[in-house]
mmCIF file of all heavy atoms, coordinates in Angstrom:
data_MODEL
# 
_entry.id   MODEL 
# 
loop_
_atom_site.group_PDB 
_atom_site.id 
_atom_site.type_symbol 
_atom_site.label_atom_id 
_atom_site.label_alt_id 
_atom_site.label_comp_id 
_atom_site.label_asym_id 
_atom_site.label_entity_id 
_atom_site.label_seq_id 
_atom_site.pdbx_PDB_ins_code 
_atom_site.Cartn_x 
_atom_site.Cartn_y 
_atom_site.Cartn_z 
_atom_site.occupancy 
_atom_site.B_iso_or_equiv 
_atom_site.pdbx_formal_charge 
_atom_site.auth_seq_id 
_atom_site.auth_comp_id 
_atom_site.auth_asym_id 
_atom_site.auth_atom_id 
_atom_site.pdbx_PDB_model_num 
ATOM 1   N N   . VAL A 1 1  ? 220.452 47.523 46.662 1.00 0.00 ? 1  VAL A N   1 
ATOM 2   C CA  . VAL A 1 1  ? 220.825 46.388 47.514 1.00 0.00 ? 1  VAL A CA  1 
ATOM 3   C C   . VAL A 1 1  ? 220.119 46.497 48.856 1.00 0.00 ? 1  VAL A C   1 
ATOM 4   O O   . VAL A 1 1  ? 219.589 45.508 49.385 1.00 0.00 ? 1  VAL A O   1 
ATOM 5   C CB  . VAL A 1 1  ? 222.357 46.299 47.694 1.00 0.00 ? 1  VAL A CB  1 
ATOM 6   C CG1 . VAL A 1 1  ? 222.726 45.233 48.710 1.00 0.00 ? 1  VAL A CG1 1 
ATOM 7   C CG2 . VAL A 1 1  ? 223.027 46.016 46.363 1.00 0.00 ? 1  VAL A CG2 1 
ATOM 8   N N   . ARG A 1 2  ? 220.074 47.705 49.401 1.00 0.00 ? 2  ARG A N   1 
ATOM 9   C CA  . ARG A 1 2  ? 219.363 47.930 50.670 1.00 0.00 ? 2  ARG A CA  1 
ATOM 10  C C   . ARG A 1 2  ? 217.924 47.451 50.570 1.00 0.00 ? 2  ARG A C   1 
ATOM 11  O O   . ARG A 1 2  ? 217.427 46.720 51.430 1.00 0.00 ? 2  ARG A O   1 
ATOM 12  C CB  . ARG A 1 2  ? 219.408 49.417 51.015 1.00 0.00 ? 2  ARG A CB  1 
ATOM 13  C CG  . ARG A 1 2  ? 218.611 49.775 52.267 1.00 0.00 ? 2  ARG A CG  1 
ATOM 14  C CD  . ARG A 1 2  ? 218.207 51.221 52.305 1.00 0.00 ? 2  ARG A CD  1 
ATOM 15  N NE  . ARG A 1 2  ? 217.295 51.533 51.190 1.00 0.00 ? 2  ARG A NE  1 
ATOM 16  C CZ  . ARG A 1 2  ? 216.956 52.753 50.859 1.00 0.00 ? 2  ARG A CZ  1 
ATOM 17  N NH1 . ARG A 1 2  ? 217.445 53.795 51.499 1.00 0.00 ? 2  ARG A NH1 1 
ATOM 18  N NH2 . ARG A 1 2  ? 216.120 52.967 49.855 1.00 0.00 ? 2  ARG A NH2 1 
ATOM 19  N N   . ASP A 1 3  ? 217.253 47.825 49.492 1.00 0.00 ? 3  ASP A N   1 
ATOM 20  C CA  . ASP A 1 3  ? 215.855 47.449 49.309 1.00 0.00 ? 3  ASP A CA  1 
ATOM 21  C C   . ASP A 1 3  ? 215.695 45.935 49.158 1.00 0.00 ? 3  ASP A C   1 
ATOM 22  O O   . ASP A 1 3  ? 214.735 45.353 49.674 1.00 0.00 ? 3  ASP A O   1 
ATOM 23  C CB  . ASP A 1 3  ? 215.255 48.178 48.114 1.00 0.00 ? 3  ASP A CB  1 
ATOM 24  C CG  . ASP A 1 3  ? 215.142 49.689 48.338 1.00 0.00 ? 3  ASP A CG  1 
ATOM 25  O OD1 . ASP A 1 3  ? 215.324 50.151 49.489 1.00 0.00 ? 3  ASP A OD1 1 
ATOM 26  O OD2 . ASP A 1 3  ? 214.896 50.407 47.350 1.00 0.00 ? 3  ASP A OD2 1 
ATOM 27  N N   . ARG A 1 4  ? 216.647 45.288 48.484 1.00 0.00 ? 4  ARG A N   1 
ATOM 28  C CA  . ARG A 1 4  ? 216.591 43.821 48.363 1.00 0.00 ? 4  ARG A CA  1 
ATOM 29  C C   . ARG A 1 4  ? 216.720 43.155 49.727 1.00 0.00 ? 4  ARG A C   1 
ATOM 30  O O   . ARG A 1 4  ? 216.026 42.179 50.018 1.00 0.00 ? 4  ARG A O   1 
ATOM 31  C CB  . ARG A 1 4  ? 217.696 43.322 47.439 1.00 0.00 ? 4  ARG A CB  1 
ATOM 32  C CG  . ARG A 1 4  ? 217.433 43.603 45.974 1.00 0.00 ? 4  ARG A CG  1 
ATOM 33  C CD  . ARG A 1 4  ? 218.492 43.016 45.078 1.00 0.00 ? 4  ARG A CD  1 
ATOM 34  N NE  . ARG A 1 4  ? 218.481 41.547 45.145 1.00 0.00 ? 4  ARG A NE  1 
ATOM 35  C CZ  . ARG A 1 4  ? 219.436 40.793 44.632 1.00 0.00 ? 4  ARG A CZ  1 
ATOM 36  N NH1 . ARG A 1 4  ? 220.487 41.344 44.037 1.00 0.00 ? 4  ARG A NH1 1 
ATOM 37  N NH2 . ARG A 1 4  ? 219.358 39.472 44.715 1.00 0.00 ? 4  ARG A NH2 1 
ATOM 38  N N   . VAL A 1 5  ? 217.627 43.671 50.557 1.00 0.00 ? 5  VAL A N   1 
ATOM 39  C CA  . VAL A 1 5  ? 217.829 43.074 51.880 1.00 0.00 ? 5  VAL A CA  1 
ATOM 40  C C   . VAL A 1 5  ? 216.597 43.306 52.757 1.00 0.00 ? 5  VAL A C   1 
ATOM 41  O O   . VAL A 1 5  ? 216.163 42.400 53.475 1.00 0.00 ? 5  VAL A O   1 
ATOM 42  C CB  . VAL A 1 5  ? 219.106 43.613 52.551 1.00 0.00 ? 5  VAL A CB  1 
ATOM 43  C CG1 . VAL A 1 5  ? 219.254 43.080 53.968 1.00 0.00 ? 5  VAL A CG1 1 
ATOM 44  C CG2 . VAL A 1 5  ? 220.336 43.251 51.720 1.00 0.00 ? 5  VAL A CG2 1 
ATOM 45  N N   . ILE A 1 6  ? 216.018 44.483 52.695 1.00 0.00 ? 6  ILE A N   1 
ATOM 46  C CA  . ILE A 1 6  ? 214.800 44.759 53.466 1.00 0.00 ? 6  ILE A CA  1 
ATOM 47  C C   . ILE A 1 6  ? 213.692 43.784 53.064 1.00 0.00 ? 6  ILE A C   1 
ATOM 48  O O   . ILE A 1 6  ? 213.015 43.208 53.917 1.00 0.00 ? 6  ILE A O   1 
ATOM 49  C CB  . ILE A 1 6  ? 214.354 46.223 53.286 1.00 0.00 ? 6  ILE A CB  1 
ATOM 50  C CG1 . ILE A 1 6  ? 215.325 47.159 54.019 1.00 0.00 ? 6  ILE A CG1 1 
ATOM 51  C CG2 . ILE A 1 6  ? 212.924 46.428 53.788 1.00 0.00 ? 6  ILE A CG2 1 
ATOM 52  C CD1 . ILE A 1 6  ? 215.117 48.634 53.724 1.00 0.00 ? 6  ILE A CD1 1 
ATOM 53  N N   . THR A 1 7  ? 213.523 43.581 51.770 1.00 0.00 ? 7  THR A N   1 
ATOM 54  C CA  . THR A 1 7  ? 212.505 42.651 51.279 1.00 0.00 ? 7  THR A CA  1 
ATOM 55  C C   . THR A 1 7  ? 212.798 41.224 51.734 1.00 0.00 ? 7  THR A C   1 
ATOM 56  O O   . THR A 1 7  ? 211.886 40.503 52.168 1.00 0.00 ? 7  THR A O   1 
ATOM 57  C CB  . THR A 1 7  ? 212.421 42.723 49.743 1.00 0.00 ? 7  THR A CB  1 
ATOM 58  O OG1 . THR A 1 7  ? 212.078 44.059 49.365 1.00 0.00 ? 7  THR A OG1 1 
ATOM 59  C CG2 . THR A 1 7  ? 211.399 41.748 49.189 1.00 0.00 ? 7  THR A CG2 1 
ATOM 60  N N   . LEU A 1 8  ? 214.053 40.826 51.658 1.00 0.00 ? 8  LEU A N   1 
ATOM 61  C CA  . LEU A 1 8  ? 214.443 39.482 52.095 1.00 0.00 ? 8  LEU A CA  1 
ATOM 62  C C   . LEU A 1 8  ? 214.141 39.276 53.577 1.00 0.00 ? 8  LEU A C   1 
ATOM 63  O O   . LEU A 1 8  ? 213.539 38.270 53.967 1.00 0.00 ? 8  LEU A O   1 
ATOM 64  C CB  . LEU A 1 8  ? 215.930 39.261 51.813 1.00 0.00 ? 8  LEU A CB  1 
ATOM 65  C CG  . LEU A 1 8  ? 216.545 37.949 52.283 1.00 0.00 ? 8  LEU A CG  1 
ATOM 66  C CD1 . LEU A 1 8  ? 215.872 36.760 51.606 1.00 0.00 ? 8  LEU A CD1 1 
ATOM 67  C CD2 . LEU A 1 8  ? 218.041 37.951 52.006 1.00 0.00 ? 8  LEU A CD2 1 
ATOM 68  N N   . LEU A 1 9  ? 214.551 40.235 54.391 1.00 0.00 ? 9  LEU A N   1 
ATOM 69  C CA  . LEU A 1 9  ? 214.309 40.117 55.829 1.00 0.00 ? 9  LEU A CA  1 
ATOM 70  C C   . LEU A 1 9  ? 212.814 40.145 56.151 1.00 0.00 ? 9  LEU A C   1 
ATOM 71  O O   . LEU A 1 9  ? 212.349 39.381 57.005 1.00 0.00 ? 9  LEU A O   1 
ATOM 72  C CB  . LEU A 1 9  ? 215.046 41.220 56.591 1.00 0.00 ? 9  LEU A CB  1 
ATOM 73  C CG  . LEU A 1 9  ? 216.576 41.095 56.603 1.00 0.00 ? 9  LEU A CG  1 
ATOM 74  C CD1 . LEU A 1 9  ? 217.206 42.344 57.223 1.00 0.00 ? 9  LEU A CD1 1 
ATOM 75  C CD2 . LEU A 1 9  ? 217.018 39.835 57.339 1.00 0.00 ? 9  LEU A CD2 1 
ATOM 76  N N   . ALA A 1 10 ? 212.073 40.984 55.473 1.00 0.00 ? 10 ALA A N   1 
ATOM 77  C CA  . ALA A 1 10 ? 210.624 41.038 55.708 1.00 0.00 ? 10 ALA A CA  1 
ATOM 78  C C   . ALA A 1 10 ? 209.982 39.702 55.367 1.00 0.00 ? 10 ALA A C   1 
ATOM 79  O O   . ALA A 1 10 ? 209.084 39.235 56.080 1.00 0.00 ? 10 ALA A O   1 
ATOM 80  C CB  . ALA A 1 10 ? 209.999 42.163 54.883 1.00 0.00 ? 10 ALA A CB  1 
ATOM 81  N N   . GLY A 1 11 ? 210.441 39.070 54.297 1.00 0.00 ? 11 GLY A N   1 
ATOM 82  C CA  . GLY A 1 11 ? 209.921 37.761 53.924 1.00 0.00 ? 11 GLY A CA  1 
ATOM 83  C C   . GLY A 1 11 ? 210.225 36.689 54.964 1.00 0.00 ? 11 GLY A C   1 
ATOM 84  O O   . GLY A 1 11 ? 209.518 35.686 55.048 1.00 0.00 ? 11 GLY A O   1 
ATOM 85  N N   . ARG A 1 12 ? 211.242 36.925 55.753 1.00 0.00 ? 12 ARG A N   1 
ATOM 86  C CA  . ARG A 1 12 ? 211.612 36.000 56.821 1.00 0.00 ? 12 ARG A CA  1 
ATOM 87  C C   . ARG A 1 12 ? 211.031 36.434 58.169 1.00 0.00 ? 12 ARG A C   1 
ATOM 88  O O   . ARG A 1 12 ? 211.340 35.843 59.193 1.00 0.00 ? 12 ARG A O   1 
ATOM 89  C CB  . ARG A 1 12 ? 213.132 35.930 56.937 1.00 0.00 ? 12 ARG A CB  1 
ATOM 90  C CG  . ARG A 1 12 ? 213.794 35.318 55.728 1.00 0.00 ? 12 ARG A CG  1 
ATOM 91  C CD  . ARG A 1 12 ? 215.291 35.310 55.888 1.00 0.00 ? 12 ARG A CD  1 
ATOM 92  N NE  . ARG A 1 12 ? 215.933 34.666 54.748 1.00 0.00 ? 12 ARG A NE  1 
ATOM 93  C CZ  . ARG A 1 12 ? 217.226 34.408 54.668 1.00 0.00 ? 12 ARG A CZ  1 
ATOM 94  N NH1 . ARG A 1 12 ? 218.022 34.722 55.686 1.00 0.00 ? 12 ARG A NH1 1 
ATOM 95  N NH2 . ARG A 1 12 ? 217.722 33.831 53.606 1.00 0.00 ? 12 ARG A NH2 1 
ATOM 96  N N   . HIS A 1 13 ? 210.245 37.499 58.162 1.00 0.00 ? 13 HIS A N   1 
ATOM 97  C CA  . HIS A 1 13 ? 209.638 38.048 59.374 1.00 0.00 ? 13 HIS A CA  1 
ATOM 98  C C   . HIS A 1 13 ? 210.697 38.498 60.380 1.00 0.00 ? 13 HIS A C   1 
ATOM 99  O O   . HIS A 1 13 ? 210.552 38.309 61.588 1.00 0.00 ? 13 HIS A O   1 
ATOM 100 C CB  . HIS A 1 13 ? 208.656 37.057 60.010 1.00 0.00 ? 13 HIS A CB  1 
ATOM 101 C CG  . HIS A 1 13 ? 207.616 36.583 59.047 1.00 0.00 ? 13 HIS A CG  1 
ATOM 102 N ND1 . HIS A 1 13 ? 206.614 37.400 58.580 1.00 0.00 ? 13 HIS A ND1 1 
ATOM 103 C CD2 . HIS A 1 13 ? 207.446 35.386 58.432 1.00 0.00 ? 13 HIS A CD2 1 
ATOM 104 C CE1 . HIS A 1 13 ? 205.865 36.730 57.718 1.00 0.00 ? 13 HIS A CE1 1 
ATOM 105 N NE2 . HIS A 1 13 ? 206.353 35.510 57.606 1.00 0.00 ? 13 HIS A NE2 1 
ATOM 106 N N   . VAL A 1 14 ? 211.755 39.107 59.841 1.00 0.00 ? 14 VAL A N   1 
ATOM 107 C CA  . VAL A 1 14 ? 212.843 39.649 60.658 1.00 0.00 ? 14 VAL A CA  1 
ATOM 108 C C   . VAL A 1 14 ? 212.786 41.164 60.530 1.00 0.00 ? 14 VAL A C   1 
ATOM 109 O O   . VAL A 1 14 ? 212.719 41.698 59.415 1.00 0.00 ? 14 VAL A O   1 
ATOM 110 C CB  . VAL A 1 14 ? 214.218 39.134 60.162 1.00 0.00 ? 14 VAL A CB  1 
ATOM 111 C CG1 . VAL A 1 14 ? 215.353 39.787 60.931 1.00 0.00 ? 14 VAL A CG1 1 
ATOM 112 C CG2 . VAL A 1 14 ? 214.283 37.617 60.275 1.00 0.00 ? 14 VAL A CG2 1 
ATOM 113 N N   . ASP A 1 15 ? 212.795 41.849 61.666 1.00 0.00 ? 15 ASP A N   1 
ATOM 114 C CA  . ASP A 1 15 ? 212.771 43.307 61.634 1.00 0.00 ? 15 ASP A CA  1 
ATOM 115 C C   . ASP A 1 15 ? 214.059 43.835 61.019 1.00 0.00 ? 15 ASP A C   1 
ATOM 116 O O   . ASP A 1 15 ? 215.154 43.490 61.479 1.00 0.00 ? 15 ASP A O   1 
ATOM 117 C CB  . ASP A 1 15 ? 212.624 43.882 63.047 1.00 0.00 ? 15 ASP A CB  1 
ATOM 118 C CG  . ASP A 1 15 ? 211.241 43.669 63.623 1.00 0.00 ? 15 ASP A CG  1 
ATOM 119 O OD1 . ASP A 1 15 ? 210.273 43.608 62.822 1.00 0.00 ? 15 ASP A OD1 1 
ATOM 120 O OD2 . ASP A 1 15 ? 211.126 43.560 64.849 1.00 0.00 ? 15 ASP A OD2 1 
ATOM 121 N N   . PRO A 1 16 ? 213.934 44.673 59.987 1.00 0.00 ? 16 PRO A N   1 
ATOM 122 C CA  . PRO A 1 16 ? 215.145 45.247 59.400 1.00 0.00 ? 16 PRO A CA  1 
ATOM 123 C C   . PRO A 1 16 ? 215.711 46.348 60.292 1.00 0.00 ? 16 PRO A C   1 
ATOM 124 O O   . PRO A 1 16 ? 214.993 46.966 61.075 1.00 0.00 ? 16 PRO A O   1 
ATOM 125 C CB  . PRO A 1 16 ? 214.648 45.825 58.070 1.00 0.00 ? 16 PRO A CB  1 
ATOM 126 C CG  . PRO A 1 16 ? 213.212 46.105 58.300 1.00 0.00 ? 16 PRO A CG  1 
ATOM 127 C CD  . PRO A 1 16 ? 212.727 45.076 59.286 1.00 0.00 ? 16 PRO A CD  1 
ATOM 128 N N   . VAL A 1 17 ? 217.007 46.549 60.170 1.00 0.00 ? 17 VAL A N   1 
ATOM 129 C CA  . VAL A 1 17 ? 217.666 47.659 60.854 1.00 0.00 ? 17 VAL A CA  1 
ATOM 130 C C   . VAL A 1 17 ? 217.188 48.943 60.193 1.00 0.00 ? 17 VAL A C   1 
ATOM 131 O O   . VAL A 1 17 ? 217.098 49.028 58.974 1.00 0.00 ? 17 VAL A O   1 
ATOM 132 C CB  . VAL A 1 17 ? 219.201 47.545 60.694 1.00 0.00 ? 17 VAL A CB  1 
ATOM 133 C CG1 . VAL A 1 17 ? 219.909 48.740 61.283 1.00 0.00 ? 17 VAL A CG1 1 
ATOM 134 C CG2 . VAL A 1 17 ? 219.691 46.250 61.303 1.00 0.00 ? 17 VAL A CG2 1 
ATOM 135 N N   . ARG A 1 18 ? 216.867 49.925 60.990 1.00 0.00 ? 18 ARG A N   1 
ATOM 136 C CA  . ARG A 1 18 ? 216.431 51.211 60.442 1.00 0.00 ? 18 ARG A CA  1 
ATOM 137 C C   . ARG A 1 18 ? 217.636 52.111 60.208 1.00 0.00 ? 18 ARG A C   1 
ATOM 138 O O   . ARG A 1 18 ? 218.638 52.012 60.906 1.00 0.00 ? 18 ARG A O   1 
ATOM 139 C CB  . ARG A 1 18 ? 215.467 51.893 61.402 1.00 0.00 ? 18 ARG A CB  1 
ATOM 140 C CG  . ARG A 1 18 ? 214.196 51.089 61.626 1.00 0.00 ? 18 ARG A CG  1 
ATOM 141 C CD  . ARG A 1 18 ? 213.095 51.947 62.206 1.00 0.00 ? 18 ARG A CD  1 
ATOM 142 N NE  . ARG A 1 18 ? 211.933 51.186 62.596 1.00 0.00 ? 18 ARG A NE  1 
ATOM 143 C CZ  . ARG A 1 18 ? 211.055 50.667 61.756 1.00 0.00 ? 18 ARG A CZ  1 
ATOM 144 N NH1 . ARG A 1 18 ? 211.217 50.802 60.472 1.00 0.00 ? 18 ARG A NH1 1 
ATOM 145 N NH2 . ARG A 1 18 ? 210.013 49.996 62.202 1.00 0.00 ? 18 ARG A NH2 1 
ATOM 146 N N   . ALA A 1 19 ? 217.509 52.982 59.231 1.00 0.00 ? 19 ALA A N   1 
ATOM 147 C CA  . ALA A 1 19 ? 218.568 53.956 58.967 1.00 0.00 ? 19 ALA A CA  1 
ATOM 148 C C   . ALA A 1 19 ? 218.625 54.963 60.100 1.00 0.00 ? 19 ALA A C   1 
ATOM 149 O O   . ALA A 1 19 ? 217.595 55.318 60.679 1.00 0.00 ? 19 ALA A O   1 
ATOM 150 C CB  . ALA A 1 19 ? 218.303 54.673 57.647 1.00 0.00 ? 19 ALA A CB  1 
ATOM 151 N N   . GLU A 1 20 ? 219.819 55.411 60.403 1.00 0.00 ? 20 GLU A N   1 
ATOM 152 C CA  . GLU A 1 20 ? 219.979 56.469 61.392 1.00 0.00 ? 20 GLU A CA  1 
ATOM 153 C C   . GLU A 1 20 ? 219.738 57.813 60.709 1.00 0.00 ? 20 GLU A C   1 
ATOM 154 O O   . GLU A 1 20 ? 219.827 57.934 59.487 1.00 0.00 ? 20 GLU A O   1 
ATOM 155 C CB  . GLU A 1 20 ? 221.389 56.411 61.982 1.00 0.00 ? 20 GLU A CB  1 
ATOM 156 C CG  . GLU A 1 20 ? 221.635 55.123 62.759 1.00 0.00 ? 20 GLU A CG  1 
ATOM 157 C CD  . GLU A 1 20 ? 223.029 55.065 63.359 1.00 0.00 ? 20 GLU A CD  1 
ATOM 158 O OE1 . GLU A 1 20 ? 223.645 56.120 63.573 1.00 0.00 ? 20 GLU A OE1 1 
ATOM 159 O OE2 . GLU A 1 20 ? 223.485 53.945 63.606 1.00 0.00 ? 20 GLU A OE2 1 
ATOM 160 N N   . GLY A 1 21 ? 219.460 58.817 61.496 1.00 0.00 ? 21 GLY A N   1 
ATOM 161 C CA  . GLY A 1 21 ? 219.243 60.150 60.940 1.00 0.00 ? 21 GLY A CA  1 
ATOM 162 C C   . GLY A 1 21 ? 220.508 60.746 60.354 1.00 0.00 ? 21 GLY A C   1 
ATOM 163 O O   . GLY A 1 21 ? 220.469 61.508 59.391 1.00 0.00 ? 21 GLY A O   1 
ATOM 164 N N   . ALA A 1 22 ? 221.638 60.395 60.927 1.00 0.00 ? 22 ALA A N   1 
ATOM 165 C CA  . ALA A 1 22 ? 222.939 60.867 60.459 1.00 0.00 ? 22 ALA A CA  1 
ATOM 166 C C   . ALA A 1 22 ? 223.996 59.894 60.955 1.00 0.00 ? 22 ALA A C   1 
ATOM 167 O O   . ALA A 1 22 ? 223.757 59.105 61.868 1.00 0.00 ? 22 ALA A O   1 
ATOM 168 C CB  . ALA A 1 22 ? 223.230 62.270 60.983 1.00 0.00 ? 22 ALA A CB  1 
ATOM 169 N N   . TYR A 1 23 ? 225.154 59.957 60.341 1.00 0.00 ? 23 TYR A N   1 
ATOM 170 C CA  . TYR A 1 23 ? 226.265 59.077 60.690 1.00 0.00 ? 23 TYR A CA  1 
ATOM 171 C C   . TYR A 1 23 ? 227.511 59.931 60.903 1.00 0.00 ? 23 TYR A C   1 
ATOM 172 O O   . TYR A 1 23 ? 227.666 60.971 60.259 1.00 0.00 ? 23 TYR A O   1 
ATOM 173 C CB  . TYR A 1 23 ? 226.512 58.060 59.575 1.00 0.00 ? 23 TYR A CB  1 
ATOM 174 C CG  . TYR A 1 23 ? 225.357 57.106 59.373 1.00 0.00 ? 23 TYR A CG  1 
ATOM 175 C CD1 . TYR A 1 23 ? 224.254 57.463 58.599 1.00 0.00 ? 23 TYR A CD1 1 
ATOM 176 C CD2 . TYR A 1 23 ? 225.353 55.860 59.970 1.00 0.00 ? 23 TYR A CD2 1 
ATOM 177 C CE1 . TYR A 1 23 ? 223.189 56.594 58.420 1.00 0.00 ? 23 TYR A CE1 1 
ATOM 178 C CE2 . TYR A 1 23 ? 224.285 54.982 59.801 1.00 0.00 ? 23 TYR A CE2 1 
ATOM 179 C CZ  . TYR A 1 23 ? 223.210 55.360 59.021 1.00 0.00 ? 23 TYR A CZ  1 
ATOM 180 O OH  . TYR A 1 23 ? 222.159 54.499 58.862 1.00 0.00 ? 23 TYR A OH  1 
ATOM 181 N N   . ALA A 1 24 ? 228.369 59.484 61.781 1.00 0.00 ? 24 ALA A N   1 
ATOM 182 C CA  . ALA A 1 24 ? 229.632 60.193 62.020 1.00 0.00 ? 24 ALA A CA  1 
ATOM 183 C C   . ALA A 1 24 ? 230.573 59.948 60.848 1.00 0.00 ? 24 ALA A C   1 
ATOM 184 O O   . ALA A 1 24 ? 230.738 58.813 60.401 1.00 0.00 ? 24 ALA A O   1 
ATOM 185 C CB  . ALA A 1 24 ? 230.273 59.707 63.316 1.00 0.00 ? 24 ALA A CB  1 
ATOM 186 N N   . LEU A 1 25 ? 231.167 61.008 60.374 1.00 0.00 ? 25 LEU A N   1 
ATOM 187 C CA  . LEU A 1 25 ? 232.148 60.874 59.304 1.00 0.00 ? 25 LEU A CA  1 
ATOM 188 C C   . LEU A 1 25 ? 233.498 60.489 59.903 1.00 0.00 ? 25 LEU A C   1 
ATOM 189 O O   . LEU A 1 25 ? 233.864 60.984 60.978 1.00 0.00 ? 25 LEU A O   1 
ATOM 190 C CB  . LEU A 1 25 ? 232.285 62.188 58.535 1.00 0.00 ? 25 LEU A CB  1 
ATOM 191 C CG  . LEU A 1 25 ? 231.050 62.628 57.748 1.00 0.00 ? 25 LEU A CG  1 
ATOM 192 C CD1 . LEU A 1 25 ? 231.272 64.008 57.142 1.00 0.00 ? 25 LEU A CD1 1 
ATOM 193 C CD2 . LEU A 1 25 ? 230.727 61.611 56.660 1.00 0.00 ? 25 LEU A CD2 1 
ATOM 194 N N   . PRO A 1 26 ? 234.266 59.652 59.220 1.00 0.00 ? 26 PRO A N   1 
ATOM 195 C CA  . PRO A 1 26 ? 235.558 59.240 59.759 1.00 0.00 ? 26 PRO A CA  1 
ATOM 196 C C   . PRO A 1 26 ? 236.624 60.327 59.663 1.00 0.00 ? 26 PRO A C   1 
ATOM 197 O O   . PRO A 1 26 ? 237.663 60.235 60.325 1.00 0.00 ? 26 PRO A O   1 
ATOM 198 C CB  . PRO A 1 26 ? 235.932 58.034 58.891 1.00 0.00 ? 26 PRO A CB  1 
ATOM 199 C CG  . PRO A 1 26 ? 235.182 58.233 57.618 1.00 0.00 ? 26 PRO A CG  1 
ATOM 200 C CD  . PRO A 1 26 ? 233.917 58.961 57.988 1.00 0.00 ? 26 PRO A CD  1 
ATOM 201 N N   . PHE A 1 27 ? 236.369 61.341 58.840 1.00 0.00 ? 27 PHE A N   1 
ATOM 202 C CA  . PHE A 1 27 ? 237.292 62.462 58.663 1.00 0.00 ? 27 PHE A CA  1 
ATOM 203 C C   . PHE A 1 27 ? 236.522 63.588 57.977 1.00 0.00 ? 27 PHE A C   1 
ATOM 204 O O   . PHE A 1 27 ? 235.481 63.345 57.363 1.00 0.00 ? 27 PHE A O   1 
ATOM 205 C CB  . PHE A 1 27 ? 238.534 62.053 57.848 1.00 0.00 ? 27 PHE A CB  1 
ATOM 206 C CG  . PHE A 1 27 ? 238.207 61.324 56.568 1.00 0.00 ? 27 PHE A CG  1 
ATOM 207 C CD1 . PHE A 1 27 ? 237.851 62.004 55.408 1.00 0.00 ? 27 PHE A CD1 1 
ATOM 208 C CD2 . PHE A 1 27 ? 238.241 59.936 56.528 1.00 0.00 ? 27 PHE A CD2 1 
ATOM 209 C CE1 . PHE A 1 27 ? 237.541 61.333 54.247 1.00 0.00 ? 27 PHE A CE1 1 
ATOM 210 C CE2 . PHE A 1 27 ? 237.927 59.243 55.367 1.00 0.00 ? 27 PHE A CE2 1 
ATOM 211 C CZ  . PHE A 1 27 ? 237.579 59.943 54.222 1.00 0.00 ? 27 PHE A CZ  1 
ATOM 212 N N   . PRO A 1 28 ? 237.030 64.813 58.064 1.00 0.00 ? 28 PRO A N   1 
ATOM 213 C CA  . PRO A 1 28 ? 236.346 65.929 57.391 1.00 0.00 ? 28 PRO A CA  1 
ATOM 214 C C   . PRO A 1 28 ? 236.399 65.762 55.869 1.00 0.00 ? 28 PRO A C   1 
ATOM 215 O O   . PRO A 1 28 ? 237.412 65.324 55.322 1.00 0.00 ? 28 PRO A O   1 
ATOM 216 C CB  . PRO A 1 28 ? 237.144 67.166 57.817 1.00 0.00 ? 28 PRO A CB  1 
ATOM 217 C CG  . PRO A 1 28 ? 237.952 66.732 58.989 1.00 0.00 ? 28 PRO A CG  1 
ATOM 218 C CD  . PRO A 1 28 ? 238.176 65.269 58.850 1.00 0.00 ? 28 PRO A CD  1 
ATOM 219 N N   . VAL A 1 29 ? 235.329 66.108 55.211 1.00 0.00 ? 29 VAL A N   1 
ATOM 220 C CA  . VAL A 1 29 ? 235.262 66.044 53.753 1.00 0.00 ? 29 VAL A CA  1 
ATOM 221 C C   . VAL A 1 29 ? 235.255 67.483 53.246 1.00 0.00 ? 29 VAL A C   1 
ATOM 222 O O   . VAL A 1 29 ? 234.223 68.147 53.248 1.00 0.00 ? 29 VAL A O   1 
ATOM 223 C CB  . VAL A 1 29 ? 234.023 65.257 53.286 1.00 0.00 ? 29 VAL A CB  1 
ATOM 224 C CG1 . VAL A 1 29 ? 233.949 65.225 51.770 1.00 0.00 ? 29 VAL A CG1 1 
ATOM 225 C CG2 . VAL A 1 29 ? 234.048 63.850 53.855 1.00 0.00 ? 29 VAL A CG2 1 
# 
């Protein structure tokens, strides 16, 4: 789905949001 959205946005000449290097977890796993 991520790849589909990137392709869709690129086709519209909209810069896609880039992935962050890491994300905060909402709780310990």
